[in-house]
Amino acid sequence: MKARNLFKNLFLLFLGFSLIFDTYSQTAYLPPDKPKLIVGIVVEQLRYDQLEKFRNRLGENGIRRLLNEGTYYQNASFEYIITRSGPGHATISTGTEPSRHGITSDHWYLPLRDELVYCTKDIAVDPVGGSYESGLHSPVNLNSSTFTDELKMATNRKARVFSVGLKESSVILSAGHAADGAFWYDRNTGTWMSSTWYCRNLPGWVNDFNAANHAVSYLNTEWKLLRSAVDYADCQPDSNSYEAGFGPVNYFPYDLRKLSAAGRNSNVRDMSLLMETPFGNSLTTDFALKLIEEENLGSDDVTDFLAICYSATDFIGHRFGPSSYEMADAILRLDREIENLMKYLNDNLGKRNILVYFTSAHGVAEIPAVLEQSRIPSGYFRQNQALQLLRSYMNALYGEGDWVRGYVEKQFYLNRTLIEDARIPLEDVQKKVARFIVQFTGVASAHPYSAFAPNDFGNGSFGKIINNYSPQRSGDIIITLSPGWVEKHDEHVTDHSSPYDYDSHVPLIWYGWAVNRQTVTRRVNMTDIAVTLSSLCRIPYPNASTGEPMFELFR
């Protein structure tokens, strides 16, 4: 009898486990072969530590949802020295360093043409839907293919690829060469536009969106604090002497209607102001959601791609600094934008059909005056004064002449034609300039680029200079400033463009599709994003890529 009861109990237990296993096997999460839509969210001027600082103040369904349900890489960095917006977006999209993709900085100087070049400027294209100067842009200066270029090629152009954002360079360098559309904000008209590189005319739905005057609606509001004052207690005081503010106003609330009025005529608006408020990010989200709907992204079995570039934080950070009320409010409001975006994607496409990565194009330095409060070494490098003194030094050394063409983003450009005509060895001049510049307060090092061209210095500081070097676009001498030091610019109280962690260390989160919940602490290079996407979609890597797949996402 006991044996029979034991057998009966074992049978019932086995039957129970079988039912549980059968139920689980029917409901287990089985992601599709490929995601239907990849969404790349790139925020400008968001440091890793800023995300951690506000983590407990974020909503449940915005960025915190990505953190809680996705794979969080806590040690992702850019491994080059000039950490600006253009190189950041290009590095993410191409999977390689500036030395290969060619976007070595936001601007560079062409000595033979005596011309300062913006990274996406292209006079061979025409504007579509906006003002003339705002539309002369394309990816013509991007030397390598992007993940999206390879996606278009691998699918016989069936994949749909779009990019949107406030800044033309961010949008274009994220879109790549073969995108179906790249749309940016025209700061002159307050409308969305493109160039003939991507289309001959704006789609009808874009014209309809522009006709609704969303930008004006946002500029007719006040920028008030989103949360109670206690949520900003760890920021610098709302009104302080360190911030540039909007003219004489550097404290909440901001009357955007009044601030955007151009002169005495209230009917003429300064539409560029929107870019320096969180509502620039709100407008970006509005437009991105409309694009997904109108272009039917993710509606078939071919993987589509959308880049969303949030740039308002960059403008706000430059004007107010990373520890300001304004920057804190911008991050908290950005979280709301991510919540709206994720709700739309999950409700309309489903988590299993989307792959999202969330990251930043660069960080930012603290305002030097804020650091000085705590007696931390810092200051402003006044590049214009340094340039004048260098020219005087060169005239004293070699005689009167235009020996130095200019200074652009940590680089000095020499007049190579004049030096050659004077039969002076270029390397000798470069070395003397480097020795002179390194004597300036705030300059940590100055190196002639010729010293790096034939060498491989590994992954240290010299390696980061190598990763930025392009014979056609780099200057003759590159400098690094001491930690805490930044260049001095009008209306900018701080900047980014250094190899230090506050500029190079950014958050990186993956969410959706087959992504597991985990935290990864190993160091990864931002060049790894594009090749990881290519590996996940089983398509060729971008043609100049140097990154490696993030193996944690393949488990």
Protein backbone atom coordinates (compact mmCIF):
# COMPACT_ATOMS: atom_id res chain seq x y z
CA MET A 1 0.00 0.00 0.00
CA LYS A 2 2.78 2.42 0.91
CA ALA A 3 4.61 1.63 -2.31
CA ARG A 4 1.42 2.25 -4.31
CA ASN A 5 0.82 5.62 -2.62
CA LEU A 6 4.44 6.61 -3.19
CA PHE A 7 4.16 5.72 -6.87
CA LYS A 8 0.90 7.68 -7.12
CA ASN A 9 2.44 10.76 -5.52
CA LEU A 10 5.48 10.59 -7.77
CA PHE A 11 3.22 10.30 -10.82
CA LEU A 12 1.17 13.34 -9.78
CA LEU A 13 4.36 15.30 -9.14
CA PHE A 14 5.72 14.36 -12.55
CA LEU A 15 2.42 15.29 -14.17
CA GLY A 16 2.52 18.71 -12.44
CA PHE A 17 6.05 19.41 -13.63
CA SER A 18 5.05 18.34 -17.16
CA LEU A 19 2.11 20.76 -17.20
CA ILE A 20 4.30 23.60 -15.91
CA PHE A 21 6.99 22.85 -18.49
CA ASP A 22 4.41 22.63 -21.28
CA THR A 23 2.85 25.95 -20.26
CA TYR A 24 6.29 27.60 -20.05
CA SER A 25 7.36 26.23 -23.42
CA GLN A 26 4.26 27.73 -25.03
CA THR A 27 4.73 31.17 -23.44
CA ALA A 28 8.55 31.40 -23.38
CA TYR A 29 9.98 34.52 -25.00
CA LEU A 30 11.21 33.63 -28.46
CA PRO A 31 12.43 36.73 -30.30
CA PRO A 32 12.11 36.90 -34.09
CA ASP A 33 15.08 36.19 -36.32
CA LYS A 34 15.84 39.92 -36.67
CA PRO A 35 14.36 43.09 -35.18
CA LYS A 36 11.85 44.91 -37.34
CA LEU A 37 13.07 48.34 -36.29
CA ILE A 38 16.37 49.51 -34.81
CA VAL A 39 16.23 52.88 -33.04
CA GLY A 40 19.50 54.61 -32.22
CA ILE A 41 19.03 57.30 -29.56
CA VAL A 42 22.08 59.57 -29.31
CA VAL A 43 22.03 62.40 -26.75
CA GLU A 44 24.63 65.13 -27.02
CA GLN A 45 26.54 66.21 -23.91
CA LEU A 46 25.32 63.51 -21.51
CA ARG A 47 28.02 62.10 -19.25
CA TYR A 48 27.86 58.67 -17.67
CA ASP A 49 27.88 60.12 -14.16
CA GLN A 50 24.97 62.46 -14.95
CA LEU A 51 22.75 59.49 -15.72
CA GLU A 52 23.75 57.83 -12.46
CA LYS A 53 23.21 61.08 -10.56
CA PHE A 54 19.58 61.36 -11.64
CA ARG A 55 18.81 57.65 -11.82
CA ASN A 56 16.54 57.61 -8.77
CA ARG A 57 14.69 60.71 -9.99
CA LEU A 58 13.83 59.25 -13.38
CA GLY A 59 10.38 57.93 -14.17
CA GLU A 60 9.65 54.20 -14.19
CA ASN A 61 9.00 53.93 -17.92
CA GLY A 62 11.65 56.16 -19.48
CA ILE A 63 15.42 55.80 -19.23
CA ARG A 64 15.04 53.77 -16.04
CA ARG A 65 13.07 51.17 -17.98
CA LEU A 66 15.98 50.82 -20.38
CA LEU A 67 18.34 50.45 -17.41
CA ASN A 68 16.17 47.91 -15.60
CA GLU A 69 15.27 45.74 -18.59
CA GLY A 70 18.27 46.12 -20.88
CA THR A 71 22.01 45.56 -21.05
CA TYR A 72 23.84 48.47 -19.45
CA TYR A 73 27.48 49.05 -20.38
CA GLN A 74 28.91 51.16 -17.57
CA ASN A 75 32.37 51.69 -19.05
CA ALA A 76 31.84 52.84 -22.63
CA SER A 77 34.22 55.52 -23.96
CA PHE A 78 35.41 57.32 -27.05
CA GLU A 79 39.08 56.57 -27.62
CA TYR A 80 40.23 59.71 -29.38
CA ILE A 81 41.23 63.17 -28.24
CA ILE A 82 38.90 65.70 -29.93
CA THR A 83 35.58 64.63 -28.39
CA ARG A 84 33.13 66.80 -30.30
CA SER A 85 29.67 66.14 -31.74
CA GLY A 86 30.64 65.40 -35.35
CA PRO A 87 33.33 62.81 -34.53
CA GLY A 88 31.03 61.24 -31.93
CA HIS A 89 28.11 60.60 -34.26
CA ALA A 90 30.44 59.47 -37.07
CA THR A 91 32.28 57.03 -34.78
CA ILE A 92 29.01 55.48 -33.58
CA SER A 93 27.68 55.03 -37.13
CA THR A 94 30.88 53.81 -38.83
CA GLY A 95 32.43 51.67 -36.10
CA THR A 96 35.84 53.26 -36.52
CA GLU A 97 37.99 56.15 -35.31
CA PRO A 98 38.14 59.68 -36.79
CA SER A 99 41.47 58.88 -38.43
CA ARG A 100 39.59 56.47 -40.71
CA HIS A 101 36.11 57.93 -41.11
CA GLY A 102 37.56 61.42 -41.66
CA ILE A 103 35.39 63.50 -39.32
CA THR A 104 38.32 64.53 -37.15
CA SER A 105 36.47 67.46 -35.55
CA ASP A 106 33.43 69.66 -36.13
CA HIS A 107 35.59 72.04 -38.17
CA TRP A 108 38.97 71.80 -39.88
CA TYR A 109 41.11 74.08 -41.98
CA LEU A 110 42.09 73.49 -45.61
CA PRO A 111 45.40 75.37 -46.13
CA LEU A 112 45.46 75.13 -49.92
CA ARG A 113 42.03 76.80 -50.16
CA ASP A 114 42.53 78.98 -47.07
CA GLU A 115 39.11 77.82 -45.91
CA LEU A 116 37.52 76.74 -42.65
CA VAL A 117 35.33 73.70 -43.32
CA TYR A 118 32.32 72.52 -41.32
CA CYS A 119 32.17 68.73 -41.16
CA THR A 120 28.98 68.33 -43.25
CA LYS A 121 29.17 71.47 -45.40
CA ASP A 122 28.59 70.79 -49.08
CA ILE A 123 28.00 73.58 -51.59
CA ALA A 124 27.24 71.00 -54.30
CA VAL A 125 23.79 70.26 -52.85
CA ASP A 126 20.74 72.47 -52.53
CA PRO A 127 18.41 73.00 -49.57
CA VAL A 128 15.05 71.25 -49.50
CA GLY A 129 12.29 72.93 -47.55
CA GLY A 130 14.26 75.49 -45.57
CA SER A 131 16.62 78.44 -45.71
CA TYR A 132 19.55 78.39 -48.13
CA GLU A 133 22.59 78.22 -45.83
CA SER A 134 20.92 75.68 -43.54
CA GLY A 135 20.52 73.24 -46.41
CA LEU A 136 24.07 73.12 -47.80
CA HIS A 137 24.93 69.89 -46.01
CA SER A 138 25.60 66.25 -46.89
CA PRO A 139 27.77 63.28 -45.80
CA VAL A 140 30.32 64.08 -48.53
CA ASN A 141 33.16 64.41 -45.99
CA LEU A 142 32.43 61.05 -44.33
CA ASN A 143 35.06 58.73 -45.80
CA SER A 144 33.72 55.32 -44.77
CA SER A 145 30.44 53.46 -44.91
CA THR A 146 28.07 53.31 -41.95
CA PHE A 147 26.03 50.46 -40.49
CA THR A 148 22.98 51.90 -42.25
CA ASP A 149 24.82 51.99 -45.59
CA GLU A 150 25.64 48.31 -45.21
CA LEU A 151 22.04 47.59 -44.16
CA LYS A 152 20.74 49.23 -47.32
CA MET A 153 23.19 47.27 -49.47
CA ALA A 154 22.53 43.93 -47.77
CA THR A 155 18.75 44.25 -48.24
CA ASN A 156 18.91 45.48 -51.85
CA ARG A 157 17.78 48.88 -50.53
CA LYS A 158 14.59 47.42 -49.06
CA ALA A 159 15.51 48.51 -45.53
CA ARG A 160 14.15 51.94 -44.67
CA VAL A 161 16.68 54.28 -43.06
CA PHE A 162 15.96 57.71 -41.55
CA SER A 163 17.59 60.15 -39.15
CA VAL A 164 16.13 63.18 -37.33
CA GLY A 165 17.42 65.83 -34.94
CA LEU A 166 18.04 69.52 -34.37
CA LYS A 167 21.61 69.69 -35.71
CA GLU A 168 22.32 68.91 -39.35
CA SER A 169 25.74 67.36 -38.68
CA SER A 170 24.40 64.99 -36.01
CA VAL A 171 21.56 63.88 -38.26
CA ILE A 172 23.62 63.44 -41.42
CA LEU A 173 26.53 61.58 -39.82
CA SER A 174 24.04 59.22 -38.15
CA ALA A 175 22.08 58.70 -41.38
CA GLY A 176 25.05 57.83 -43.58
CA HIS A 177 25.30 58.08 -47.35
CA ALA A 178 22.44 55.87 -48.52
CA ALA A 179 19.61 56.86 -46.15
CA ASP A 180 16.06 57.36 -47.38
CA GLY A 181 15.76 60.58 -45.42
CA ALA A 182 17.61 62.90 -43.06
CA PHE A 183 15.69 65.79 -41.54
CA TRP A 184 16.98 68.58 -39.34
CA TYR A 185 15.64 71.75 -37.73
CA ASP A 186 16.07 75.02 -39.60
CA ARG A 187 16.96 77.55 -36.92
CA ASN A 188 15.92 80.40 -39.23
CA THR A 189 12.39 79.25 -40.09
CA GLY A 190 11.52 76.86 -37.25
CA THR A 191 10.67 74.09 -39.73
CA TRP A 192 12.12 70.69 -40.66
CA MET A 193 14.25 70.48 -43.78
CA SER A 194 16.75 68.37 -45.72
CA SER A 195 19.06 68.67 -48.74
CA THR A 196 19.03 67.31 -52.27
CA TRP A 197 21.49 64.61 -51.23
CA TYR A 198 18.52 62.78 -49.70
CA CYS A 199 15.43 64.04 -51.56
CA ARG A 200 14.23 66.50 -54.21
CA ASN A 201 11.14 67.56 -52.27
CA LEU A 202 9.95 67.15 -48.71
CA PRO A 203 7.37 64.38 -48.22
CA GLY A 204 3.82 65.64 -47.89
CA TRP A 205 3.58 64.66 -44.25
CA VAL A 206 6.67 66.78 -43.44
CA ASN A 207 5.06 69.81 -45.09
CA ASP A 208 1.90 69.17 -43.08
CA PHE A 209 3.93 68.88 -39.87
CA ASN A 210 5.72 72.16 -40.65
CA ALA A 211 2.42 73.89 -41.38
CA ALA A 212 1.23 73.14 -37.85
CA ASN A 213 3.87 75.55 -36.43
CA HIS A 214 4.86 73.28 -33.54
CA ALA A 215 8.04 75.29 -32.91
CA VAL A 216 6.08 78.50 -32.43
CA SER A 217 3.73 76.72 -30.04
CA TYR A 218 6.65 75.65 -27.87
CA LEU A 219 8.14 79.15 -27.96
CA ASN A 220 4.84 80.58 -26.74
CA THR A 221 5.27 78.79 -23.41
CA GLU A 222 7.35 79.27 -20.28
CA TRP A 223 10.25 77.02 -19.35
CA LYS A 224 9.50 76.21 -15.73
CA LEU A 225 11.05 73.63 -13.43
CA LEU A 226 9.49 70.24 -14.05
CA ARG A 227 9.88 69.07 -10.46
CA SER A 228 9.92 70.58 -6.98
CA ALA A 229 13.04 72.43 -5.83
CA VAL A 230 14.15 69.51 -3.64
CA ASP A 231 14.94 67.48 -6.77
CA TYR A 232 17.53 70.10 -7.78
CA ALA A 233 19.18 70.46 -4.37
CA ASP A 234 22.48 68.95 -5.55
CA CYS A 235 22.82 71.48 -8.38
CA GLN A 236 24.49 74.88 -8.37
CA PRO A 237 22.17 77.70 -7.21
CA ASP A 238 19.55 78.59 -9.79
CA SER A 239 20.90 82.12 -10.15
CA ASN A 240 24.67 82.44 -10.07
CA SER A 241 27.44 84.39 -11.76
CA TYR A 242 28.95 81.36 -13.53
CA GLU A 243 26.20 80.84 -16.11
CA ALA A 244 25.84 82.73 -19.38
CA GLY A 245 22.05 82.56 -19.31
CA PHE A 246 19.86 84.12 -21.96
CA GLY A 247 21.22 87.64 -21.91
CA PRO A 248 20.51 89.11 -18.47
CA VAL A 249 18.22 86.21 -17.46
CA ASN A 250 19.79 83.09 -15.93
CA TYR A 251 17.11 81.79 -13.55
CA PHE A 252 13.70 80.11 -13.74
CA PRO A 253 11.12 80.64 -15.12
CA TYR A 254 12.09 81.63 -18.67
CA ASP A 255 9.46 83.45 -20.72
CA LEU A 256 10.27 82.00 -24.14
CA ARG A 257 7.77 84.22 -25.93
CA LYS A 258 9.58 87.30 -24.66
CA LEU A 259 13.09 85.90 -25.08
CA SER A 260 12.43 84.79 -28.67
CA ALA A 261 11.01 88.13 -29.76
CA ALA A 262 13.47 89.67 -32.22
CA GLY A 263 13.92 93.31 -31.27
CA ARG A 264 10.75 95.33 -30.72
CA ASN A 265 8.70 93.40 -33.28
CA SER A 266 6.98 90.61 -31.36
CA ASN A 267 5.79 89.05 -34.62
CA VAL A 268 9.37 88.24 -35.65
CA ARG A 269 10.75 85.33 -33.63
CA ASP A 270 14.23 84.00 -33.03
CA MET A 271 13.48 80.36 -33.83
CA SER A 272 17.00 79.26 -32.85
CA LEU A 273 16.12 79.76 -29.17
CA LEU A 274 14.11 76.55 -29.22
CA MET A 275 17.33 74.58 -29.71
CA GLU A 276 18.60 75.84 -26.35
CA THR A 277 15.60 74.64 -24.37
CA PRO A 278 14.30 71.14 -23.55
CA PHE A 279 11.41 71.78 -25.93
CA GLY A 280 13.85 71.32 -28.80
CA ASN A 281 14.04 67.69 -27.68
CA SER A 282 10.24 67.59 -27.39
CA LEU A 283 9.89 68.76 -30.98
CA THR A 284 12.40 66.10 -32.04
CA THR A 285 10.30 63.38 -30.39
CA ASP A 286 7.11 64.71 -31.99
CA PHE A 287 8.72 64.60 -35.41
CA ALA A 288 10.30 61.16 -34.90
CA LEU A 289 6.98 59.59 -33.88
CA LYS A 290 5.26 61.14 -36.88
CA LEU A 291 8.01 59.75 -39.14
CA ILE A 292 7.66 56.21 -37.77
CA GLU A 293 3.91 56.36 -38.40
CA GLU A 294 3.96 57.99 -41.84
CA GLU A 295 6.87 55.96 -43.24
CA ASN A 296 5.53 52.68 -41.78
CA LEU A 297 8.83 51.77 -40.14
CA GLY A 298 8.98 48.25 -38.75
CA SER A 299 5.92 47.15 -40.72
CA ASP A 300 7.49 44.22 -42.58
CA ASP A 301 10.16 41.55 -42.12
CA VAL A 302 13.03 43.75 -43.40
CA THR A 303 14.86 45.56 -40.58
CA ASP A 304 14.42 49.33 -40.68
CA PHE A 305 16.51 51.95 -38.85
CA LEU A 306 15.83 55.34 -37.26
CA ALA A 307 18.41 57.58 -35.59
CA ILE A 308 17.04 60.15 -33.12
CA CYS A 309 19.57 62.82 -32.20
CA TYR A 310 18.73 64.82 -29.08
CA SER A 311 20.89 67.95 -29.21
CA ALA A 312 19.19 70.45 -26.88
CA THR A 313 21.26 69.22 -23.93
CA ASP A 314 24.40 70.27 -25.80
CA PHE A 315 23.27 73.86 -26.21
CA ILE A 316 21.96 74.03 -22.64
CA GLY A 317 25.14 72.58 -21.19
CA HIS A 318 27.37 75.05 -23.00
CA ARG A 319 25.31 77.98 -21.77
CA PHE A 320 24.58 76.86 -18.19
CA GLY A 321 27.04 74.08 -17.32
CA PRO A 322 26.51 70.43 -16.34
CA SER A 323 25.64 71.12 -12.67
CA SER A 324 22.98 73.77 -13.32
CA TYR A 325 19.26 73.66 -12.62
CA GLU A 326 18.76 74.05 -16.35
CA MET A 327 20.78 70.96 -17.25
CA ALA A 328 19.11 68.91 -14.53
CA ASP A 329 15.70 69.95 -15.78
CA ALA A 330 16.70 69.15 -19.35
CA ILE A 331 17.70 65.60 -18.33
CA LEU A 332 14.49 65.05 -16.37
CA ARG A 333 12.46 66.31 -19.32
CA LEU A 334 14.48 64.16 -21.72
CA ASP A 335 13.42 61.19 -19.60
CA ARG A 336 9.81 62.13 -20.39
CA GLU A 337 10.64 62.13 -24.10
CA ILE A 338 12.17 58.66 -23.86
CA GLU A 339 9.07 57.48 -21.99
CA ASN A 340 6.79 58.76 -24.76
CA LEU A 341 8.99 57.18 -27.40
CA MET A 342 9.19 53.80 -25.67
CA LYS A 343 5.45 53.70 -25.03
CA TYR A 344 4.77 54.25 -28.72
CA LEU A 345 7.30 51.62 -29.81
CA ASN A 346 6.14 49.00 -27.32
CA ASP A 347 2.44 49.61 -27.97
CA ASN A 348 2.68 49.66 -31.76
CA LEU A 349 5.57 47.32 -32.57
CA GLY A 350 6.18 45.35 -29.39
CA LYS A 351 9.37 44.96 -27.40
CA ARG A 352 10.30 41.74 -29.21
CA ASN A 353 10.34 43.55 -32.57
CA ILE A 354 12.48 46.58 -31.66
CA LEU A 355 16.16 46.99 -30.83
CA VAL A 356 17.07 50.26 -29.12
CA TYR A 357 20.45 51.61 -28.15
CA PHE A 358 20.74 54.72 -25.98
CA THR A 359 24.02 56.59 -25.71
CA SER A 360 25.74 59.98 -25.96
CA ALA A 361 28.02 61.63 -28.52
CA HIS A 362 30.31 63.15 -25.85
CA GLY A 363 30.39 64.49 -22.31
CA VAL A 364 31.34 67.93 -20.99
CA ALA A 365 33.70 69.60 -18.54
CA GLU A 366 32.52 71.37 -15.41
CA ILE A 367 32.54 75.17 -15.46
CA PRO A 368 36.05 76.16 -14.32
CA ALA A 369 34.68 78.68 -11.79
CA VAL A 370 32.65 75.92 -10.14
CA LEU A 371 35.77 73.78 -9.76
CA GLU A 372 37.70 76.75 -8.37
CA GLN A 373 35.13 77.00 -5.58
CA SER A 374 36.55 73.74 -4.27
CA ARG A 375 40.15 74.74 -5.09
CA ILE A 376 40.34 72.21 -7.92
CA PRO A 377 42.79 73.31 -10.65
CA SER A 378 40.93 74.65 -13.69
CA GLY A 379 40.70 77.62 -16.00
CA TYR A 380 40.10 78.96 -19.49
CA PHE A 381 42.60 78.62 -22.30
CA ARG A 382 42.33 81.82 -24.32
CA GLN A 383 43.21 80.51 -27.74
CA ASN A 384 42.98 83.86 -29.53
CA GLN A 385 45.60 85.40 -27.26
CA ALA A 386 47.81 82.33 -27.68
CA LEU A 387 47.49 82.63 -31.45
CA GLN A 388 48.53 86.30 -31.42
CA LEU A 389 51.57 85.59 -29.26
CA LEU A 390 52.54 82.66 -31.47
CA ARG A 391 52.43 84.87 -34.57
CA SER A 392 54.64 87.46 -32.87
CA TYR A 393 57.07 84.70 -31.90
CA MET A 394 57.18 83.35 -35.47
CA ASN A 395 57.80 86.84 -36.89
CA ALA A 396 60.67 87.33 -34.47
CA LEU A 397 62.07 83.92 -35.36
CA TYR A 398 61.67 83.84 -39.15
CA GLY A 399 60.88 87.43 -40.14
CA GLU A 400 57.61 89.11 -41.02
CA GLY A 401 55.12 86.74 -42.64
CA ASP A 402 51.82 84.93 -42.32
CA TRP A 403 53.45 81.88 -40.77
CA VAL A 404 50.37 80.64 -38.87
CA ARG A 405 47.09 80.21 -40.72
CA GLY A 406 44.93 79.74 -37.66
CA TYR A 407 43.72 77.69 -34.71
CA VAL A 408 40.77 75.28 -34.84
CA GLU A 409 39.65 72.90 -32.08
CA LYS A 410 42.95 72.22 -30.31
CA GLN A 411 44.99 72.40 -33.52
CA PHE A 412 47.37 75.00 -34.95
CA TYR A 413 47.63 75.20 -38.74
CA LEU A 414 50.86 76.53 -40.27
CA ASN A 415 51.37 78.19 -43.64
CA ARG A 416 53.14 75.30 -45.31
CA THR A 417 53.52 77.10 -48.64
CA LEU A 418 55.37 79.99 -47.02
CA ILE A 419 57.53 77.63 -44.98
CA GLU A 420 58.41 75.62 -48.09
CA ASP A 421 59.22 78.77 -50.08
CA ALA A 422 61.51 79.90 -47.23
CA ARG A 423 63.24 76.49 -47.43
CA ILE A 424 62.73 75.83 -43.75
CA PRO A 425 62.18 72.18 -42.75
CA LEU A 426 58.51 71.84 -41.76
CA GLU A 427 59.24 69.47 -38.89
CA ASP A 428 61.66 71.97 -37.36
CA VAL A 429 58.97 74.66 -37.40
CA GLN A 430 56.38 72.28 -35.94
CA LYS A 431 58.69 71.33 -33.09
CA LYS A 432 59.50 74.95 -32.25
CA VAL A 433 55.81 75.87 -32.24
CA ALA A 434 55.04 72.92 -29.96
CA ARG A 435 57.79 73.93 -27.53
CA PHE A 436 56.45 77.50 -27.49
CA ILE A 437 52.77 76.59 -27.00
CA VAL A 438 53.39 74.13 -24.18
CA GLN A 439 54.60 77.01 -22.02
CA PHE A 440 51.09 78.51 -21.83
CA THR A 441 49.21 78.05 -18.58
CA GLY A 442 46.59 75.33 -18.94
CA VAL A 443 48.35 73.51 -21.78
CA ALA A 444 49.26 69.99 -20.68
CA SER A 445 51.04 68.99 -23.90
CA ALA A 446 51.67 70.12 -27.46
CA HIS A 447 52.75 67.72 -30.18
CA PRO A 448 53.62 68.12 -33.85
CA TYR A 449 51.38 65.78 -35.81
CA SER A 450 54.31 64.71 -37.99
CA ALA A 451 55.70 62.83 -35.02
CA PHE A 452 52.65 60.56 -34.97
CA ALA A 453 52.11 59.87 -38.65
CA PRO A 454 54.48 56.89 -38.98
CA ASN A 455 54.09 55.51 -35.47
CA ASP A 456 51.74 53.36 -33.42
CA PHE A 457 51.68 54.37 -29.77
CA GLY A 458 49.08 51.85 -28.59
CA ASN A 459 46.06 52.80 -26.51
CA GLY A 460 47.35 55.56 -24.23
CA SER A 461 47.11 59.31 -24.68
CA PHE A 462 49.36 59.15 -27.75
CA GLY A 463 47.08 56.44 -29.14
CA LYS A 464 44.11 58.76 -28.80
CA ILE A 465 45.97 61.38 -30.82
CA ILE A 466 46.71 58.79 -33.51
CA ASN A 467 42.98 57.91 -33.61
CA ASN A 468 42.27 61.56 -34.47
CA TYR A 469 45.02 62.04 -37.06
CA SER A 470 44.20 62.63 -40.72
CA PRO A 471 46.95 63.90 -43.06
CA GLN A 472 44.41 65.83 -45.12
CA ARG A 473 42.48 67.47 -42.26
CA SER A 474 44.55 67.59 -39.10
CA GLY A 475 46.60 70.59 -38.04
CA ASP A 476 50.36 70.77 -37.68
CA ILE A 477 50.33 70.85 -33.87
CA ILE A 478 47.71 69.43 -31.54
CA ILE A 479 47.44 70.40 -27.89
CA THR A 480 45.80 68.88 -24.86
CA LEU A 481 44.69 71.09 -22.02
CA SER A 482 45.19 70.23 -18.38
CA PRO A 483 42.28 68.52 -16.60
CA GLY A 484 39.55 71.02 -15.80
CA TRP A 485 40.68 73.51 -18.44
CA VAL A 486 38.52 74.43 -21.44
CA GLU A 487 38.73 76.80 -24.39
CA LYS A 488 37.11 80.20 -23.98
CA HIS A 489 34.18 80.88 -26.32
CA ASP A 490 31.59 83.65 -26.37
CA GLU A 491 28.39 82.65 -24.53
CA HIS A 492 29.91 79.28 -23.64
CA VAL A 493 30.82 78.80 -20.00
CA THR A 494 32.22 75.32 -20.60
CA ASP A 495 33.16 72.96 -23.41
CA HIS A 496 34.14 69.43 -24.43
CA SER A 497 37.07 68.32 -26.54
CA SER A 498 39.51 66.35 -24.42
CA PRO A 499 40.56 62.75 -23.75
CA TYR A 500 39.50 62.96 -20.10
CA ASP A 501 36.68 60.87 -18.68
CA TYR A 502 34.30 63.80 -18.26
CA ASP A 503 34.35 64.21 -22.06
CA SER A 504 34.82 60.63 -23.26
CA HIS A 505 32.93 58.39 -20.77
CA VAL A 506 29.28 58.08 -21.82
CA PRO A 507 26.31 55.82 -20.99
CA LEU A 508 25.41 52.94 -23.31
CA ILE A 509 22.23 50.87 -22.94
CA TRP A 510 20.71 48.23 -25.24
CA TYR A 511 17.01 47.31 -24.98
CA GLY A 512 14.38 45.10 -26.64
CA TRP A 513 14.44 42.21 -29.14
CA ALA A 514 16.84 39.52 -27.79
CA VAL A 515 18.60 41.76 -25.24
CA ASN A 516 18.91 40.35 -21.72
CA ARG A 517 18.86 42.23 -18.46
CA GLN A 518 22.47 42.63 -17.30
CA THR A 519 25.13 45.14 -16.31
CA VAL A 520 28.55 45.00 -17.97
CA THR A 521 31.55 46.66 -16.33
CA ARG A 522 34.30 45.87 -18.84
CA ARG A 523 35.66 48.73 -20.94
CA VAL A 524 34.20 49.01 -24.44
CA ASN A 525 35.02 51.37 -27.28
CA MET A 526 32.18 53.29 -28.94
CA THR A 527 33.42 51.89 -32.24
CA ASP A 528 31.87 48.60 -31.09
CA ILE A 529 28.27 49.77 -31.63
CA ALA A 530 28.19 49.60 -35.44
CA VAL A 531 29.88 46.21 -35.71
CA THR A 532 27.60 44.83 -33.00
CA LEU A 533 24.58 45.95 -35.02
CA SER A 534 26.06 44.38 -38.15
CA SER A 535 26.70 41.11 -36.32
CA LEU A 536 23.20 41.02 -34.86
CA CYS A 537 21.69 41.62 -38.31
CA ARG A 538 24.21 39.29 -39.97
CA ILE A 539 25.35 41.82 -42.56
CA PRO A 540 28.84 43.08 -43.52
CA TYR A 541 30.63 45.43 -41.14
CA PRO A 542 31.11 49.06 -42.23
CA ASN A 543 34.07 49.07 -44.62
CA ALA A 544 36.56 50.86 -42.32
CA SER A 545 35.35 49.44 -39.00
CA THR A 546 37.80 48.65 -36.23
CA GLY A 547 35.36 47.84 -33.41
CA GLU A 548 34.47 44.43 -32.01
CA PRO A 549 31.02 42.92 -31.35
CA MET A 550 29.80 43.23 -27.76
CA PHE A 551 29.64 39.52 -27.04
CA GLU A 552 27.35 39.90 -24.02
CA LEU A 553 24.45 40.66 -26.40
CA PHE A 554 24.81 37.29 -28.17
CA ARG A 555 24.24 35.05 -25.16
